[in-house]
Amino acid sequence: MELAERMGFRVVKGRGDFNGGGCRVREEKVIVINKIKPIEYQSKTIVEGLANNGLSEHYLIPVVRSYIEEDLNIKI
């Protein structure tokens, strides 16, 4: 979540009947995570939110970049 914060996102965790994802609240960028979902789903939600907002401009160690692009099937 540190990368999300450096990219200007606030990460909010909650429980409920929702999927989660990135959004804007007024001028603030927010990624909402559902604690009930499996950790893999939570991770993918964070990465998707970041990938749509300039994740490619940040250094990621090769194993993390590979995981995102190959395992999660998200192009960055």
N, C-alpha and C. Protein backbone atom coordinates (compact mmCIF):
# COMPACT_ATOMS: atom_id res chain seq x y z
N MET A 1 0.82 -1.20 0.00
CA MET A 1 0.00 0.00 0.00
C MET A 1 0.86 1.25 0.00
N GLU A 2 2.11 1.10 0.33
CA GLU A 2 3.00 2.26 0.33
C GLU A 2 3.08 2.88 -1.06
N LEU A 3 3.16 2.05 -2.11
CA LEU A 3 3.21 2.57 -3.47
C LEU A 3 1.93 3.34 -3.80
N ALA A 4 0.80 2.82 -3.38
CA ALA A 4 -0.47 3.49 -3.61
C ALA A 4 -0.46 4.89 -2.98
N GLU A 5 0.06 4.98 -1.78
CA GLU A 5 0.12 6.27 -1.10
C GLU A 5 1.07 7.22 -1.81
N ARG A 6 2.20 6.70 -2.28
CA ARG A 6 3.14 7.56 -3.02
C ARG A 6 2.55 8.02 -4.34
N MET A 7 1.63 7.23 -4.91
CA MET A 7 0.97 7.63 -6.16
C MET A 7 -0.23 8.53 -5.91
N GLY A 8 -0.49 8.87 -4.66
CA GLY A 8 -1.56 9.81 -4.34
C GLY A 8 -2.90 9.17 -4.03
N PHE A 9 -2.92 7.88 -3.75
CA PHE A 9 -4.15 7.17 -3.43
C PHE A 9 -4.29 7.00 -1.92
N ARG A 10 -5.52 7.03 -1.47
CA ARG A 10 -5.83 6.62 -0.11
C ARG A 10 -6.48 5.24 -0.23
N VAL A 11 -6.00 4.27 0.54
CA VAL A 11 -6.54 2.91 0.50
C VAL A 11 -7.46 2.75 1.71
N VAL A 12 -8.70 2.34 1.41
CA VAL A 12 -9.71 2.17 2.45
C VAL A 12 -10.14 0.71 2.45
N LYS A 13 -10.13 0.09 3.63
CA LYS A 13 -10.59 -1.30 3.75
C LYS A 13 -11.91 -1.32 4.50
N GLY A 14 -12.82 -2.17 4.03
CA GLY A 14 -14.11 -2.30 4.69
C GLY A 14 -14.70 -3.66 4.42
N ARG A 15 -15.80 -3.95 5.08
CA ARG A 15 -16.53 -5.21 4.88
C ARG A 15 -17.91 -4.87 4.35
N GLY A 16 -18.39 -5.71 3.48
CA GLY A 16 -19.74 -5.49 2.97
C GLY A 16 -19.99 -6.21 1.68
N ASP A 17 -21.09 -5.89 1.06
CA ASP A 17 -21.53 -6.51 -0.18
C ASP A 17 -21.10 -5.63 -1.35
N PHE A 18 -19.79 -5.56 -1.58
CA PHE A 18 -19.26 -4.78 -2.69
C PHE A 18 -17.97 -5.44 -3.16
N ASN A 19 -17.57 -5.12 -4.39
CA ASN A 19 -16.37 -5.71 -4.96
C ASN A 19 -15.12 -4.90 -4.65
N GLY A 20 -15.23 -3.60 -4.60
CA GLY A 20 -14.08 -2.74 -4.39
C GLY A 20 -13.53 -2.24 -5.71
N GLY A 21 -12.58 -1.34 -5.63
CA GLY A 21 -11.96 -0.79 -6.82
C GLY A 21 -11.54 0.65 -6.61
N GLY A 22 -11.05 1.26 -7.67
CA GLY A 22 -10.60 2.64 -7.61
C GLY A 22 -11.71 3.61 -7.95
N CYS A 23 -11.65 4.78 -7.32
CA CYS A 23 -12.64 5.82 -7.61
C CYS A 23 -12.08 7.16 -7.13
N ARG A 24 -12.83 8.20 -7.38
CA ARG A 24 -12.49 9.54 -6.88
C ARG A 24 -13.61 10.00 -5.96
N VAL A 25 -13.21 10.54 -4.84
CA VAL A 25 -14.15 11.14 -3.91
C VAL A 25 -13.74 12.60 -3.84
N ARG A 26 -14.57 13.44 -4.44
CA ARG A 26 -14.21 14.84 -4.66
C ARG A 26 -12.93 14.87 -5.47
N GLU A 27 -11.85 15.38 -4.96
CA GLU A 27 -10.58 15.42 -5.70
C GLU A 27 -9.61 14.33 -5.27
N GLU A 28 -10.01 13.52 -4.30
CA GLU A 28 -9.12 12.50 -3.74
C GLU A 28 -9.26 11.17 -4.48
N LYS A 29 -8.12 10.54 -4.83
CA LYS A 29 -8.12 9.22 -5.44
C LYS A 29 -8.16 8.18 -4.33
N VAL A 30 -9.09 7.23 -4.45
CA VAL A 30 -9.31 6.23 -3.41
C VAL A 30 -9.37 4.85 -4.03
N ILE A 31 -8.79 3.88 -3.36
CA ILE A 31 -8.97 2.47 -3.72
C ILE A 31 -9.66 1.81 -2.53
N VAL A 32 -10.82 1.22 -2.80
CA VAL A 32 -11.62 0.59 -1.75
C VAL A 32 -11.41 -0.92 -1.83
N ILE A 33 -11.04 -1.52 -0.72
CA ILE A 33 -10.76 -2.95 -0.63
C ILE A 33 -11.79 -3.61 0.28
N ASN A 34 -12.34 -4.74 -0.18
CA ASN A 34 -13.28 -5.50 0.63
C ASN A 34 -12.51 -6.56 1.42
N LYS A 35 -12.49 -6.43 2.74
CA LYS A 35 -11.75 -7.36 3.61
C LYS A 35 -12.27 -8.79 3.54
N ILE A 36 -13.52 -8.96 3.13
CA ILE A 36 -14.12 -10.29 3.08
C ILE A 36 -13.58 -11.11 1.90
N LYS A 37 -13.16 -10.43 0.86
CA LYS A 37 -12.65 -11.11 -0.34
C LYS A 37 -11.29 -11.74 -0.05
N PRO A 38 -10.93 -12.79 -0.80
CA PRO A 38 -9.61 -13.42 -0.62
C PRO A 38 -8.48 -12.42 -0.89
N ILE A 39 -7.33 -12.66 -0.29
CA ILE A 39 -6.19 -11.74 -0.42
C ILE A 39 -5.77 -11.57 -1.88
N GLU A 40 -5.91 -12.61 -2.68
CA GLU A 40 -5.57 -12.51 -4.10
C GLU A 40 -6.47 -11.49 -4.79
N TYR A 41 -7.74 -11.50 -4.44
CA TYR A 41 -8.70 -10.55 -5.02
C TYR A 41 -8.38 -9.14 -4.55
N GLN A 42 -8.04 -8.99 -3.28
CA GLN A 42 -7.69 -7.67 -2.74
C GLN A 42 -6.46 -7.11 -3.45
N SER A 43 -5.46 -7.95 -3.65
CA SER A 43 -4.24 -7.53 -4.34
C SER A 43 -4.55 -7.08 -5.76
N LYS A 44 -5.36 -7.87 -6.45
CA LYS A 44 -5.71 -7.53 -7.83
C LYS A 44 -6.48 -6.21 -7.88
N THR A 45 -7.34 -5.96 -6.92
CA THR A 45 -8.09 -4.71 -6.87
C THR A 45 -7.15 -3.52 -6.75
N ILE A 46 -6.15 -3.64 -5.88
CA ILE A 46 -5.18 -2.56 -5.72
C ILE A 46 -4.39 -2.34 -7.01
N VAL A 47 -3.90 -3.43 -7.60
CA VAL A 47 -3.09 -3.31 -8.81
C VAL A 47 -3.90 -2.72 -9.96
N GLU A 48 -5.13 -3.15 -10.12
CA GLU A 48 -5.97 -2.59 -11.19
C GLU A 48 -6.16 -1.09 -11.01
N GLY A 49 -6.40 -0.67 -9.78
CA GLY A 49 -6.56 0.76 -9.51
C GLY A 49 -5.30 1.54 -9.85
N LEU A 50 -4.15 0.98 -9.51
CA LEU A 50 -2.88 1.65 -9.79
C LEU A 50 -2.51 1.58 -11.27
N ALA A 51 -2.79 0.45 -11.92
CA ALA A 51 -2.43 0.28 -13.32
C ALA A 51 -3.14 1.30 -14.22
N ASN A 52 -4.32 1.70 -13.83
CA ASN A 52 -5.08 2.67 -14.62
C ASN A 52 -4.64 4.11 -14.35
N ASN A 53 -3.67 4.28 -13.48
CA ASN A 53 -3.26 5.63 -13.08
C ASN A 53 -1.74 5.81 -13.04
N GLY A 54 -1.04 5.23 -13.99
CA GLY A 54 0.39 5.50 -14.11
C GLY A 54 1.32 4.54 -13.40
N LEU A 55 0.91 3.32 -13.16
CA LEU A 55 1.78 2.35 -12.50
C LEU A 55 3.03 2.08 -13.34
N SER A 56 2.91 2.16 -14.65
CA SER A 56 4.05 1.88 -15.53
C SER A 56 5.20 2.86 -15.33
N GLU A 57 4.94 4.00 -14.75
CA GLU A 57 5.97 5.01 -14.52
C GLU A 57 6.80 4.72 -13.27
N HIS A 58 6.45 3.69 -12.52
CA HIS A 58 7.15 3.36 -11.27
C HIS A 58 7.94 2.07 -11.43
N TYR A 59 9.08 2.03 -10.76
CA TYR A 59 9.91 0.83 -10.80
C TYR A 59 9.26 -0.27 -9.96
N LEU A 60 9.17 -1.45 -10.55
CA LEU A 60 8.72 -2.64 -9.85
C LEU A 60 9.78 -3.72 -10.06
N ILE A 61 10.11 -4.45 -9.01
CA ILE A 61 11.08 -5.51 -9.20
C ILE A 61 10.51 -6.51 -10.20
N PRO A 62 11.37 -7.14 -11.00
CA PRO A 62 10.90 -8.00 -12.09
C PRO A 62 9.89 -9.06 -11.67
N VAL A 63 10.07 -9.68 -10.51
CA VAL A 63 9.13 -10.74 -10.10
C VAL A 63 7.74 -10.16 -9.85
N VAL A 64 7.66 -8.95 -9.32
CA VAL A 64 6.35 -8.31 -9.08
C VAL A 64 5.72 -7.93 -10.42
N ARG A 65 6.51 -7.32 -11.30
CA ARG A 65 5.99 -6.95 -12.63
C ARG A 65 5.48 -8.18 -13.37
N SER A 66 6.25 -9.29 -13.30
CA SER A 66 5.84 -10.54 -13.94
C SER A 66 4.54 -11.07 -13.35
N TYR A 67 4.43 -11.05 -12.03
CA TYR A 67 3.20 -11.50 -11.37
C TYR A 67 2.00 -10.69 -11.84
N ILE A 68 2.15 -9.39 -11.90
CA ILE A 68 1.05 -8.52 -12.31
C ILE A 68 0.65 -8.81 -13.76
N GLU A 69 1.64 -8.86 -14.64
CA GLU A 69 1.33 -9.01 -16.06
C GLU A 69 0.93 -10.43 -16.45
N GLU A 70 1.55 -11.44 -15.86
CA GLU A 70 1.29 -12.81 -16.28
C GLU A 70 0.22 -13.50 -15.43
N ASP A 71 0.34 -13.42 -14.12
CA ASP A 71 -0.59 -14.11 -13.26
C ASP A 71 -1.93 -13.38 -13.10
N LEU A 72 -1.86 -12.05 -12.95
CA LEU A 72 -3.09 -11.28 -12.82
C LEU A 72 -3.64 -10.82 -14.17
N ASN A 73 -2.82 -10.98 -15.22
CA ASN A 73 -3.23 -10.61 -16.57
C ASN A 73 -3.63 -9.14 -16.69
N ILE A 74 -2.80 -8.27 -16.09
CA ILE A 74 -3.01 -6.83 -16.14
C ILE A 74 -1.82 -6.21 -16.84
N LYS A 75 -2.04 -5.53 -17.93
CA LYS A 75 -0.96 -4.89 -18.68
C LYS A 75 -0.57 -3.57 -18.02
N ILE A 76 0.73 -3.44 -17.69
CA ILE A 76 1.21 -2.18 -17.12
C ILE A 76 2.28 -1.57 -17.99
